[in-house]
N, C-alpha and C. Protein backbone atom coordinates (compact mmCIF):
# COMPACT_ATOMS: atom_id res chain seq x y z
N MET A 1 -33.90 29.10 -29.10
CA MET A 1 -33.44 30.22 -28.31
C MET A 1 -33.21 29.74 -26.88
N LEU A 2 -31.96 29.83 -26.42
CA LEU A 2 -31.65 29.41 -25.07
C LEU A 2 -31.72 30.58 -24.08
N TYR A 3 -31.34 31.77 -24.54
CA TYR A 3 -31.34 32.94 -23.67
C TYR A 3 -31.42 34.19 -24.55
N ARG A 4 -32.15 35.20 -24.07
CA ARG A 4 -32.29 36.44 -24.83
C ARG A 4 -32.50 37.61 -23.89
N GLU A 5 -31.87 38.72 -24.22
CA GLU A 5 -32.09 39.99 -23.52
C GLU A 5 -32.26 41.08 -24.56
N SER A 6 -33.25 41.92 -24.37
CA SER A 6 -33.48 43.04 -25.28
C SER A 6 -32.67 44.24 -24.82
N GLY A 7 -32.22 45.03 -25.78
CA GLY A 7 -31.44 46.21 -25.45
C GLY A 7 -32.28 47.34 -24.89
N SER A 8 -33.57 47.32 -25.17
CA SER A 8 -34.47 48.37 -24.68
C SER A 8 -35.91 47.90 -24.90
N SER A 9 -36.81 48.49 -24.13
CA SER A 9 -38.23 48.25 -24.39
C SER A 9 -38.74 49.42 -25.25
N TRP A 10 -39.95 49.30 -25.70
CA TRP A 10 -40.50 50.34 -26.57
C TRP A 10 -41.34 51.37 -25.82
N TRP A 11 -41.46 51.26 -24.50
CA TRP A 11 -42.28 52.22 -23.76
C TRP A 11 -41.76 53.65 -23.81
N PRO A 12 -40.46 53.93 -24.05
CA PRO A 12 -40.04 55.33 -24.16
C PRO A 12 -40.70 56.09 -25.31
N LEU A 13 -41.36 55.38 -26.23
CA LEU A 13 -42.07 56.08 -27.30
C LEU A 13 -43.23 56.91 -26.76
N LEU A 14 -43.65 56.62 -25.56
CA LEU A 14 -44.75 57.39 -24.96
C LEU A 14 -44.28 58.72 -24.39
N TRP A 15 -42.97 58.91 -24.25
CA TRP A 15 -42.45 60.15 -23.69
C TRP A 15 -42.83 61.37 -24.52
N GLY A 16 -42.67 61.28 -25.84
CA GLY A 16 -42.98 62.42 -26.71
C GLY A 16 -44.41 62.89 -26.58
N PRO A 17 -45.38 62.00 -26.77
CA PRO A 17 -46.76 62.45 -26.60
C PRO A 17 -47.06 62.93 -25.18
N ALA A 18 -46.47 62.30 -24.17
CA ALA A 18 -46.73 62.73 -22.79
C ALA A 18 -46.19 64.15 -22.56
N PHE A 19 -44.98 64.44 -23.03
CA PHE A 19 -44.43 65.79 -22.88
C PHE A 19 -45.25 66.81 -23.67
N ALA A 20 -45.72 66.42 -24.85
CA ALA A 20 -46.51 67.33 -25.67
C ALA A 20 -47.84 67.65 -24.99
N VAL A 21 -48.49 66.64 -24.44
CA VAL A 21 -49.76 66.87 -23.74
C VAL A 21 -49.52 67.75 -22.51
N ALA A 22 -48.45 67.47 -21.76
CA ALA A 22 -48.14 68.29 -20.58
C ALA A 22 -47.87 69.74 -20.98
N GLY A 23 -47.10 69.93 -22.05
CA GLY A 23 -46.81 71.29 -22.52
C GLY A 23 -48.07 71.99 -22.99
N TYR A 24 -48.92 71.28 -23.69
CA TYR A 24 -50.18 71.86 -24.16
C TYR A 24 -51.05 72.27 -22.97
N LEU A 25 -51.15 71.41 -21.95
CA LEU A 25 -51.97 71.74 -20.78
C LEU A 25 -51.42 72.94 -20.02
N VAL A 26 -50.11 73.03 -19.88
CA VAL A 26 -49.51 74.19 -19.20
C VAL A 26 -49.79 75.45 -20.01
N GLU A 27 -49.62 75.36 -21.32
CA GLU A 27 -49.89 76.53 -22.16
C GLU A 27 -51.37 76.90 -22.13
N LEU A 28 -52.24 75.90 -22.06
CA LEU A 28 -53.68 76.15 -22.00
C LEU A 28 -54.06 76.89 -20.72
N ILE A 29 -53.41 76.54 -19.62
CA ILE A 29 -53.68 77.19 -18.34
C ILE A 29 -53.17 78.62 -18.33
N THR A 30 -52.02 78.86 -18.95
CA THR A 30 -51.39 80.18 -18.88
C THR A 30 -51.81 81.13 -19.99
N GLY A 31 -52.54 80.66 -20.98
CA GLY A 31 -52.95 81.53 -22.07
C GLY A 31 -53.41 80.72 -23.26
N PRO A 32 -53.39 81.33 -24.43
CA PRO A 32 -53.83 80.59 -25.62
C PRO A 32 -52.87 79.45 -25.95
N ALA A 33 -53.44 78.31 -26.36
CA ALA A 33 -52.63 77.13 -26.65
C ALA A 33 -52.72 76.77 -28.13
N SER A 34 -51.64 76.27 -28.66
CA SER A 34 -51.58 75.86 -30.07
C SER A 34 -51.54 74.34 -30.18
N VAL A 35 -52.63 73.77 -30.62
CA VAL A 35 -52.71 72.31 -30.77
C VAL A 35 -51.72 71.84 -31.83
N ALA A 36 -51.63 72.56 -32.94
CA ALA A 36 -50.75 72.15 -34.03
C ALA A 36 -49.29 72.14 -33.59
N LEU A 37 -48.89 73.18 -32.86
CA LEU A 37 -47.50 73.25 -32.38
C LEU A 37 -47.17 72.07 -31.48
N TRP A 38 -48.05 71.77 -30.54
CA TRP A 38 -47.77 70.67 -29.60
C TRP A 38 -47.88 69.31 -30.27
N ALA A 39 -48.70 69.20 -31.32
CA ALA A 39 -48.76 67.95 -32.08
C ALA A 39 -47.44 67.72 -32.82
N ILE A 40 -46.88 68.80 -33.38
CA ILE A 40 -45.58 68.69 -34.06
C ILE A 40 -44.48 68.36 -33.06
N VAL A 41 -44.49 69.01 -31.91
CA VAL A 41 -43.50 68.71 -30.87
C VAL A 41 -43.60 67.25 -30.44
N GLY A 42 -44.82 66.77 -30.21
CA GLY A 42 -45.02 65.37 -29.83
C GLY A 42 -44.52 64.42 -30.89
N LEU A 43 -44.80 64.74 -32.17
CA LEU A 43 -44.36 63.90 -33.28
C LEU A 43 -42.83 63.88 -33.38
N LEU A 44 -42.20 65.04 -33.27
CA LEU A 44 -40.73 65.09 -33.34
C LEU A 44 -40.07 64.34 -32.19
N LEU A 45 -40.60 64.49 -31.00
CA LEU A 45 -40.05 63.76 -29.85
C LEU A 45 -40.24 62.25 -30.02
N THR A 46 -41.37 61.85 -30.57
CA THR A 46 -41.62 60.43 -30.80
C THR A 46 -40.68 59.87 -31.86
N VAL A 47 -40.43 60.61 -32.93
CA VAL A 47 -39.49 60.16 -33.96
C VAL A 47 -38.09 60.01 -33.37
N CYS A 48 -37.67 60.97 -32.55
CA CYS A 48 -36.36 60.85 -31.90
C CYS A 48 -36.30 59.63 -31.00
N ALA A 49 -37.38 59.36 -30.28
CA ALA A 49 -37.42 58.19 -29.40
C ALA A 49 -37.40 56.90 -30.20
N VAL A 50 -38.05 56.87 -31.36
CA VAL A 50 -38.03 55.67 -32.21
C VAL A 50 -36.60 55.37 -32.65
N VAL A 51 -35.89 56.39 -33.09
CA VAL A 51 -34.50 56.20 -33.51
C VAL A 51 -33.65 55.72 -32.34
N TRP A 52 -33.79 56.35 -31.19
CA TRP A 52 -33.01 56.00 -30.00
C TRP A 52 -33.29 54.56 -29.57
N VAL A 53 -34.56 54.18 -29.48
CA VAL A 53 -34.92 52.83 -29.04
C VAL A 53 -34.44 51.80 -30.07
N HIS A 54 -34.61 52.09 -31.33
CA HIS A 54 -34.16 51.15 -32.37
C HIS A 54 -32.66 50.90 -32.26
N LEU A 55 -31.88 51.95 -32.07
CA LEU A 55 -30.43 51.78 -31.94
C LEU A 55 -30.07 51.03 -30.66
N ARG A 56 -30.78 51.30 -29.57
CA ARG A 56 -30.52 50.57 -28.32
C ARG A 56 -30.85 49.09 -28.48
N VAL A 57 -31.94 48.77 -29.16
CA VAL A 57 -32.29 47.37 -29.39
C VAL A 57 -31.24 46.70 -30.27
N LYS A 58 -30.80 47.40 -31.29
CA LYS A 58 -29.83 46.84 -32.23
C LYS A 58 -28.46 46.60 -31.59
N THR A 59 -28.00 47.53 -30.77
CA THR A 59 -26.66 47.42 -30.20
C THR A 59 -26.63 46.81 -28.81
N GLY A 60 -27.75 46.78 -28.11
CA GLY A 60 -27.74 46.31 -26.73
C GLY A 60 -28.43 44.98 -26.49
N SER A 61 -28.92 44.35 -27.55
CA SER A 61 -29.58 43.06 -27.39
C SER A 61 -28.56 41.93 -27.46
N MET A 62 -28.87 40.84 -26.78
CA MET A 62 -28.02 39.65 -26.89
C MET A 62 -28.91 38.43 -26.95
N GLU A 63 -28.44 37.44 -27.73
CA GLU A 63 -29.17 36.19 -27.91
C GLU A 63 -28.19 35.03 -27.87
N LEU A 64 -28.66 33.93 -27.33
CA LEU A 64 -27.87 32.70 -27.32
C LEU A 64 -28.73 31.57 -27.86
N THR A 65 -28.24 30.93 -28.92
CA THR A 65 -28.87 29.74 -29.45
C THR A 65 -27.87 28.60 -29.34
N ALA A 66 -28.26 27.42 -29.74
CA ALA A 66 -27.35 26.28 -29.68
C ALA A 66 -26.19 26.42 -30.67
N GLU A 67 -26.36 27.24 -31.70
CA GLU A 67 -25.33 27.39 -32.72
C GLU A 67 -24.48 28.64 -32.57
N GLU A 68 -25.07 29.75 -32.11
CA GLU A 68 -24.31 30.99 -32.04
C GLU A 68 -24.78 31.90 -30.91
N ALA A 69 -23.88 32.81 -30.56
CA ALA A 69 -24.20 33.84 -29.57
C ALA A 69 -24.06 35.19 -30.27
N GLN A 70 -25.03 36.05 -30.06
CA GLN A 70 -25.00 37.38 -30.67
C GLN A 70 -25.03 38.42 -29.58
N PHE A 71 -24.07 39.34 -29.63
CA PHE A 71 -23.98 40.45 -28.69
C PHE A 71 -23.99 41.72 -29.51
N GLY A 72 -25.09 42.45 -29.45
CA GLY A 72 -25.22 43.63 -30.30
C GLY A 72 -25.20 43.20 -31.75
N ARG A 73 -24.27 43.74 -32.51
CA ARG A 73 -24.17 43.40 -33.93
C ARG A 73 -23.19 42.26 -34.21
N GLU A 74 -22.52 41.77 -33.19
CA GLU A 74 -21.48 40.76 -33.40
C GLU A 74 -21.99 39.36 -33.05
N LYS A 75 -21.72 38.43 -33.96
CA LYS A 75 -22.10 37.03 -33.74
C LYS A 75 -20.84 36.18 -33.67
N ILE A 76 -20.85 35.21 -32.73
CA ILE A 76 -19.77 34.23 -32.69
C ILE A 76 -20.39 32.84 -32.58
N PRO A 77 -19.84 31.90 -33.31
CA PRO A 77 -20.35 30.53 -33.18
C PRO A 77 -20.05 29.98 -31.80
N VAL A 78 -20.98 29.24 -31.24
CA VAL A 78 -20.78 28.64 -29.92
C VAL A 78 -19.60 27.67 -29.95
N ALA A 79 -19.34 27.06 -31.11
CA ALA A 79 -18.22 26.13 -31.24
C ALA A 79 -16.88 26.82 -30.99
N MET A 80 -16.81 28.15 -31.13
CA MET A 80 -15.57 28.88 -30.88
C MET A 80 -15.32 29.12 -29.39
N ILE A 81 -16.32 28.90 -28.55
CA ILE A 81 -16.17 29.15 -27.11
C ILE A 81 -15.62 27.89 -26.46
N GLU A 82 -14.42 28.03 -25.89
CA GLU A 82 -13.78 26.88 -25.25
C GLU A 82 -14.21 26.75 -23.80
N ALA A 83 -14.29 27.86 -23.08
CA ALA A 83 -14.63 27.80 -21.66
C ALA A 83 -15.42 29.03 -21.25
N CYS A 84 -16.34 28.81 -20.30
CA CYS A 84 -17.13 29.92 -19.77
C CYS A 84 -17.07 29.94 -18.24
N GLN A 85 -16.31 29.04 -17.66
CA GLN A 85 -16.17 28.97 -16.20
C GLN A 85 -14.71 29.18 -15.83
N ASP A 86 -14.49 29.84 -14.71
CA ASP A 86 -13.13 30.08 -14.20
C ASP A 86 -12.23 30.74 -15.23
N VAL A 87 -12.77 31.72 -15.94
CA VAL A 87 -12.00 32.47 -16.92
C VAL A 87 -11.79 33.87 -16.36
N GLY A 88 -10.56 34.27 -16.22
CA GLY A 88 -10.26 35.62 -15.74
C GLY A 88 -10.37 36.62 -16.88
N ALA A 89 -10.67 37.85 -16.54
CA ALA A 89 -10.80 38.90 -17.55
C ALA A 89 -9.54 39.75 -17.55
N PRO A 90 -8.65 39.56 -18.53
CA PRO A 90 -7.44 40.38 -18.58
C PRO A 90 -7.77 41.82 -18.97
N THR A 91 -6.92 42.72 -18.56
CA THR A 91 -7.09 44.12 -18.92
C THR A 91 -6.99 44.26 -20.43
N GLY A 92 -7.89 44.98 -21.01
CA GLY A 92 -7.88 45.21 -22.44
C GLY A 92 -8.54 44.12 -23.26
N ALA A 93 -9.25 43.21 -22.61
CA ALA A 93 -9.94 42.16 -23.36
C ALA A 93 -11.00 42.78 -24.26
N LYS A 94 -11.15 42.20 -25.44
CA LYS A 94 -12.12 42.71 -26.41
C LYS A 94 -13.54 42.49 -25.89
N VAL A 95 -14.36 43.52 -26.00
CA VAL A 95 -15.77 43.44 -25.62
C VAL A 95 -16.56 43.03 -26.85
N LEU A 96 -17.34 41.97 -26.74
CA LEU A 96 -18.17 41.53 -27.86
C LEU A 96 -19.27 42.56 -28.12
N GLY A 97 -19.56 42.78 -29.36
CA GLY A 97 -20.59 43.75 -29.72
C GLY A 97 -20.01 45.03 -30.27
N GLY A 98 -18.70 45.20 -30.16
CA GLY A 98 -18.05 46.35 -30.77
C GLY A 98 -17.92 47.59 -29.92
N GLY A 99 -18.35 47.56 -28.69
CA GLY A 99 -18.22 48.74 -27.84
C GLY A 99 -16.88 48.80 -27.12
N TRP A 100 -16.61 49.94 -26.49
CA TRP A 100 -15.38 50.10 -25.70
C TRP A 100 -15.51 49.40 -24.37
N SER A 101 -16.75 49.31 -23.88
CA SER A 101 -17.00 48.65 -22.60
C SER A 101 -18.36 47.94 -22.71
N VAL A 102 -18.66 47.12 -21.71
CA VAL A 102 -19.94 46.43 -21.73
C VAL A 102 -21.05 47.47 -21.59
N PRO A 103 -22.20 47.22 -22.20
CA PRO A 103 -23.29 48.20 -22.12
C PRO A 103 -23.71 48.49 -20.68
N LYS A 104 -24.17 49.70 -20.46
CA LYS A 104 -24.62 50.12 -19.13
C LYS A 104 -25.72 49.19 -18.64
N GLY A 105 -25.63 48.79 -17.39
CA GLY A 105 -26.63 47.92 -16.79
C GLY A 105 -26.36 46.44 -16.99
N THR A 106 -25.24 46.12 -17.65
CA THR A 106 -24.89 44.72 -17.85
C THR A 106 -23.62 44.39 -17.09
N THR A 107 -23.37 43.10 -16.93
CA THR A 107 -22.17 42.62 -16.25
C THR A 107 -21.31 41.87 -17.25
N ALA A 108 -20.01 42.07 -17.18
CA ALA A 108 -19.08 41.38 -18.08
C ALA A 108 -19.00 39.91 -17.71
N VAL A 109 -18.98 39.07 -18.74
CA VAL A 109 -18.84 37.62 -18.57
C VAL A 109 -17.67 37.19 -19.45
N PRO A 110 -16.50 36.92 -18.84
CA PRO A 110 -15.34 36.53 -19.66
C PRO A 110 -15.51 35.13 -20.25
N LEU A 111 -15.13 35.01 -21.52
CA LEU A 111 -15.18 33.73 -22.23
C LEU A 111 -13.82 33.48 -22.88
N ARG A 112 -13.33 32.24 -22.78
CA ARG A 112 -12.09 31.88 -23.47
C ARG A 112 -12.47 31.18 -24.76
N LEU A 113 -11.90 31.67 -25.86
CA LEU A 113 -12.18 31.09 -27.16
C LEU A 113 -11.18 29.98 -27.46
N VAL A 114 -11.45 29.19 -28.49
CA VAL A 114 -10.59 28.05 -28.82
C VAL A 114 -9.18 28.47 -29.21
N ASP A 115 -8.98 29.71 -29.68
CA ASP A 115 -7.64 30.18 -30.01
C ASP A 115 -6.89 30.72 -28.80
N GLY A 116 -7.50 30.64 -27.61
CA GLY A 116 -6.85 31.07 -26.37
C GLY A 116 -7.12 32.50 -25.96
N THR A 117 -7.74 33.30 -26.81
CA THR A 117 -8.04 34.68 -26.44
C THR A 117 -9.24 34.72 -25.50
N VAL A 118 -9.25 35.75 -24.68
CA VAL A 118 -10.37 35.96 -23.77
C VAL A 118 -11.13 37.18 -24.24
N VAL A 119 -12.44 37.03 -24.38
CA VAL A 119 -13.31 38.13 -24.78
C VAL A 119 -14.34 38.35 -23.68
N LEU A 120 -14.93 39.52 -23.68
CA LEU A 120 -15.95 39.84 -22.68
C LEU A 120 -17.33 39.82 -23.31
N ALA A 121 -18.10 38.82 -22.93
CA ALA A 121 -19.53 38.82 -23.25
C ALA A 121 -20.20 39.65 -22.17
N TRP A 122 -21.50 39.86 -22.26
CA TRP A 122 -22.19 40.65 -21.25
C TRP A 122 -23.65 40.23 -21.16
N ALA A 123 -24.21 40.45 -19.99
CA ALA A 123 -25.62 40.13 -19.76
C ALA A 123 -26.13 40.90 -18.54
N ARG A 124 -27.41 41.19 -18.52
CA ARG A 124 -28.02 41.82 -17.34
C ARG A 124 -28.13 40.81 -16.20
N ASP A 125 -28.36 39.56 -16.56
CA ASP A 125 -28.46 38.48 -15.57
C ASP A 125 -27.36 37.46 -15.91
N PRO A 126 -26.13 37.71 -15.45
CA PRO A 126 -25.03 36.84 -15.86
C PRO A 126 -25.18 35.39 -15.41
N GLU A 127 -25.82 35.16 -14.26
CA GLU A 127 -26.00 33.78 -13.80
C GLU A 127 -26.92 33.00 -14.74
N ALA A 128 -28.02 33.61 -15.16
CA ALA A 128 -28.93 32.94 -16.08
C ALA A 128 -28.27 32.73 -17.44
N PHE A 129 -27.51 33.72 -17.89
CA PHE A 129 -26.80 33.58 -19.16
C PHE A 129 -25.78 32.45 -19.09
N LEU A 130 -25.00 32.40 -18.01
CA LEU A 130 -24.00 31.33 -17.86
C LEU A 130 -24.67 29.96 -17.75
N ALA A 131 -25.79 29.88 -17.07
CA ALA A 131 -26.51 28.61 -16.97
C ALA A 131 -26.95 28.12 -18.36
N ALA A 132 -27.43 29.04 -19.18
CA ALA A 132 -27.83 28.67 -20.55
C ALA A 132 -26.60 28.32 -21.39
N LEU A 133 -25.52 29.06 -21.20
CA LEU A 133 -24.29 28.82 -21.97
C LEU A 133 -23.66 27.48 -21.61
N ARG A 134 -23.74 27.10 -20.34
CA ARG A 134 -23.16 25.82 -19.91
C ARG A 134 -23.86 24.63 -20.56
N ARG A 135 -25.10 24.80 -20.99
CA ARG A 135 -25.81 23.72 -21.66
C ARG A 135 -25.21 23.39 -23.02
N VAL A 136 -24.55 24.38 -23.65
CA VAL A 136 -23.97 24.14 -24.98
C VAL A 136 -22.45 24.13 -24.98
N VAL A 137 -21.82 24.70 -23.95
CA VAL A 137 -20.36 24.68 -23.83
C VAL A 137 -20.03 23.77 -22.65
N ARG A 138 -19.25 22.78 -22.87
CA ARG A 138 -19.00 21.75 -21.85
C ARG A 138 -17.95 22.14 -20.83
N ARG A 139 -17.15 23.15 -21.07
CA ARG A 139 -16.10 23.51 -20.12
C ARG A 139 -16.44 24.76 -19.37
């Protein structure tokens, strides 16, 4: 593994229980409180957060190894990357990973492939990603 970024951390799973406890405490102060109701609310919010975080990790993670680069669900062999320096990003260039644009919080990194097409890779720390990529791509 030369470089890796996760699409999300798992700490948002604490939101559901935290909101449920806060709701229970407010209800306890204002009148009779239902532990079962707030436990169900906390469980439902946690399940929603699990689904959300799992999808963010699946679609927003990127990895670079000596053999391949993976952006979200899309993998490309490193051998297909011709250049990673001084590559301009043309309008309408394909974004790796299948999205319409680079994920929020990331920066586009244009790459020229051996067939001459330019694609947009992405990373939260583009300098570190390019430094790792330069170790396996010579141009």
